[in-house]
């Protein structure tokens, strides 16, 4: 049975696939950069990062740092949970309308 966060990630994958968005899910190993969001995406030439959370789950300080760095460089970074799933769909739509 999937965890609550696993269900959010599955929904995100479905949305990304339905919108024909490229994405990768970096593995959290000791050799990678800590705090990288769960999904790294390209939408019409625009960088989109997505951190999935469920319930009362909150981002860590390292995740907050990475999200801030992405936003500071004009990338889009979202924290998606069951309460704001619509934000992903809206963001994809807006990024697809922008010129690359």
C-alpha atoms as a PDB file:
ATOM      1  CA  UNK A   1       0.000   0.000   0.000  1.00  0.00           C
ATOM      2  CA  UNK A   2       1.312   3.443  -0.906  1.00  0.00           C
ATOM      3  CA  UNK A   3       2.180   5.982   1.750  1.00  0.00           C
ATOM      4  CA  UNK A   4       0.232   9.271   1.789  1.00  0.00           C
ATOM      5  CA  UNK A   5       3.240  11.039   0.222  1.00  0.00           C
ATOM      6  CA  UNK A   6       3.540   8.198  -2.290  1.00  0.00           C
ATOM      7  CA  UNK A   7      -0.050   8.872  -3.368  1.00  0.00           C
ATOM      8  CA  UNK A   8       0.770  12.572  -3.906  1.00  0.00           C
ATOM      9  CA  UNK A   9       3.834  11.592  -5.969  1.00  0.00           C
ATOM     10  CA  UNK A  10       1.736   9.189  -8.059  1.00  0.00           C
ATOM     11  CA  UNK A  11      -0.802  11.944  -8.738  1.00  0.00           C
ATOM     12  CA  UNK A  12       2.008  14.363  -9.704  1.00  0.00           C
ATOM     13  CA  UNK A  13       3.441  11.771 -12.117  1.00  0.00           C
ATOM     14  CA  UNK A  14       0.016  11.359 -13.738  1.00  0.00           C
ATOM     15  CA  UNK A  15      -0.388  15.125 -14.126  1.00  0.00           C
ATOM     16  CA  UNK A  16       3.085  15.528 -15.610  1.00  0.00           C
ATOM     17  CA  UNK A  17       2.537  12.655 -18.042  1.00  0.00           C
ATOM     18  CA  UNK A  18      -0.887  13.943 -19.086  1.00  0.00           C
ATOM     19  CA  UNK A  19       0.630  17.386 -19.758  1.00  0.00           C
ATOM     20  CA  UNK A  20       3.572  15.865 -21.687  1.00  0.00           C
ATOM     21  CA  UNK A  21       6.092  17.382 -19.245  1.00  0.00           C
ATOM     22  CA  UNK A  22       9.635  16.021 -18.988  1.00  0.00           C
ATOM     23  CA  UNK A  23      10.599  15.135 -15.420  1.00  0.00           C
ATOM     24  CA  UNK A  24      13.215  13.302 -13.420  1.00  0.00           C
ATOM     25  CA  UNK A  25      13.178  12.213  -9.811  1.00  0.00           C
ATOM     26  CA  UNK A  26      16.677  12.485  -8.324  1.00  0.00           C
ATOM     27  CA  UNK A  27      17.637   9.753  -5.897  1.00  0.00           C
ATOM     28  CA  UNK A  28      18.481  10.882  -2.383  1.00  0.00           C
ATOM     29  CA  UNK A  29      21.826   9.177  -1.853  1.00  0.00           C
ATOM     30  CA  UNK A  30      24.916  10.183   0.063  1.00  0.00           C
ATOM     31  CA  UNK A  31      26.544  11.266  -3.197  1.00  0.00           C
ATOM     32  CA  UNK A  32      23.930  13.780  -4.342  1.00  0.00           C
ATOM     33  CA  UNK A  33      22.997  17.261  -3.199  1.00  0.00           C
ATOM     34  CA  UNK A  34      20.782  17.302  -0.118  1.00  0.00           C
ATOM     35  CA  UNK A  35      17.409  19.021  -0.205  1.00  0.00           C
ATOM     36  CA  UNK A  36      16.802  18.741  -3.953  1.00  0.00           C
ATOM     37  CA  UNK A  37      13.042  18.659  -4.698  1.00  0.00           C
ATOM     38  CA  UNK A  38      11.365  15.351  -5.567  1.00  0.00           C
ATOM     39  CA  UNK A  39      10.703  16.269  -9.218  1.00  0.00           C
ATOM     40  CA  UNK A  40      12.850  18.295 -11.630  1.00  0.00           C
ATOM     41  CA  UNK A  41      10.854  19.230 -14.718  1.00  0.00           C
ATOM     42  CA  UNK A  42      11.043  21.071 -18.007  1.00  0.00           C
ATOM     43  CA  UNK A  43       7.813  22.734 -19.167  1.00  0.00           C
ATOM     44  CA  UNK A  44       8.055  24.523 -22.505  1.00  0.00           C
ATOM     45  CA  UNK A  45      11.686  25.389 -21.791  1.00  0.00           C
ATOM     46  CA  UNK A  46      11.004  26.511 -18.202  1.00  0.00           C
ATOM     47  CA  UNK A  47      12.491  24.884 -15.100  1.00  0.00           C
ATOM     48  CA  UNK A  48       9.951  23.568 -12.594  1.00  0.00           C
ATOM     49  CA  UNK A  49      10.814  21.835  -9.322  1.00  0.00           C
ATOM     50  CA  UNK A  50       8.208  20.071  -7.203  1.00  0.00           C
ATOM     51  CA  UNK A  51       8.471  18.928  -3.596  1.00  0.00           C
ATOM     52  CA  UNK A  52       5.714  16.494  -2.592  1.00  0.00           C
ATOM     53  CA  UNK A  53       4.364  16.498   0.962  1.00  0.00           C
ATOM     54  CA  UNK A  54       1.364  14.854   2.580  1.00  0.00           C
ATOM     55  CA  UNK A  55      -0.722  15.701   5.594  1.00  0.00           C
ATOM     56  CA  UNK A  56       1.078  18.025   7.957  1.00  0.00           C
ATOM     57  CA  UNK A  57       4.436  17.278   6.336  1.00  0.00           C
ATOM     58  CA  UNK A  58       6.675  20.309   6.064  1.00  0.00           C
ATOM     59  CA  UNK A  59       9.848  21.016   4.166  1.00  0.00           C
ATOM     60  CA  UNK A  60      13.222  20.704   5.844  1.00  0.00           C
ATOM     61  CA  UNK A  61      15.717  23.561   6.123  1.00  0.00           C
ATOM     62  CA  UNK A  62      17.742  21.992   3.283  1.00  0.00           C
ATOM     63  CA  UNK A  63      14.648  21.751   1.066  1.00  0.00           C
ATOM     64  CA  UNK A  64      13.763  25.361   1.882  1.00  0.00           C
ATOM     65  CA  UNK A  65      17.287  26.410   0.863  1.00  0.00           C
ATOM     66  CA  UNK A  66      17.102  24.605  -2.484  1.00  0.00           C
ATOM     67  CA  UNK A  67      13.622  25.949  -3.241  1.00  0.00           C
ATOM     68  CA  UNK A  68      14.817  29.490  -2.450  1.00  0.00           C
ATOM     69  CA  UNK A  69      17.844  29.064  -4.743  1.00  0.00           C
ATOM     70  CA  UNK A  70      15.636  27.853  -7.596  1.00  0.00           C
ATOM     71  CA  UNK A  71      13.248  30.776  -7.171  1.00  0.00           C
ATOM     72  CA  UNK A  72      16.150  33.263  -6.900  1.00  0.00           C
ATOM     73  CA  UNK A  73      17.301  32.109 -10.340  1.00  0.00           C
ATOM     74  CA  UNK A  74      13.835  32.598 -11.875  1.00  0.00           C
ATOM     75  CA  UNK A  75      12.910  28.926 -11.754  1.00  0.00           C
ATOM     76  CA  UNK A  76       9.520  27.820 -10.479  1.00  0.00           C
ATOM     77  CA  UNK A  77       9.380  25.688  -7.334  1.00  0.00           C
ATOM     78  CA  UNK A  78       6.196  24.282  -5.826  1.00  0.00           C
ATOM     79  CA  UNK A  79       5.419  22.402  -2.638  1.00  0.00           C
ATOM     80  CA  UNK A  80       2.442  20.200  -3.488  1.00  0.00           C
ATOM     81  CA  UNK A  81       0.181  18.417  -1.017  1.00  0.00           C
ATOM     82  CA  UNK A  82      -3.381  17.158  -1.042  1.00  0.00           C
ATOM     83  CA  UNK A  83      -4.702  20.659  -0.274  1.00  0.00           C
ATOM     84  CA  UNK A  84      -3.160  22.426  -3.284  1.00  0.00           C
ATOM     85  CA  UNK A  85      -3.015  19.856  -6.089  1.00  0.00           C
ATOM     86  CA  UNK A  86      -4.658  22.380  -8.431  1.00  0.00           C
ATOM     87  CA  UNK A  87      -1.570  24.633  -8.201  1.00  0.00           C
ATOM     88  CA  UNK A  88       0.452  22.148 -10.242  1.00  0.00           C
ATOM     89  CA  UNK A  89      -2.122  22.002 -13.032  1.00  0.00           C
ATOM     90  CA  UNK A  90      -2.405  25.805 -13.083  1.00  0.00           C
ATOM     91  CA  UNK A  91       1.374  26.291 -13.071  1.00  0.00           C
ATOM     92  CA  UNK A  92       1.905  23.847 -15.942  1.00  0.00           C
ATOM     93  CA  UNK A  93      -0.767  25.636 -17.957  1.00  0.00           C
ATOM     94  CA  UNK A  94       0.834  29.049 -17.323  1.00  0.00           C
ATOM     95  CA  UNK A  95       4.344  27.814 -18.157  1.00  0.00           C
ATOM     96  CA  UNK A  96       3.104  26.250 -21.389  1.00  0.00           C
ATOM     97  CA  UNK A  97       1.581  29.604 -22.410  1.00  0.00           C
ATOM     98  CA  UNK A  98       4.876  31.467 -21.879  1.00  0.00           C
ATOM     99  CA  UNK A  99       7.354  31.609 -24.706  1.00  0.00           C
ATOM    100  CA  UNK A 100      10.457  29.499 -24.204  1.00  0.00           C
END
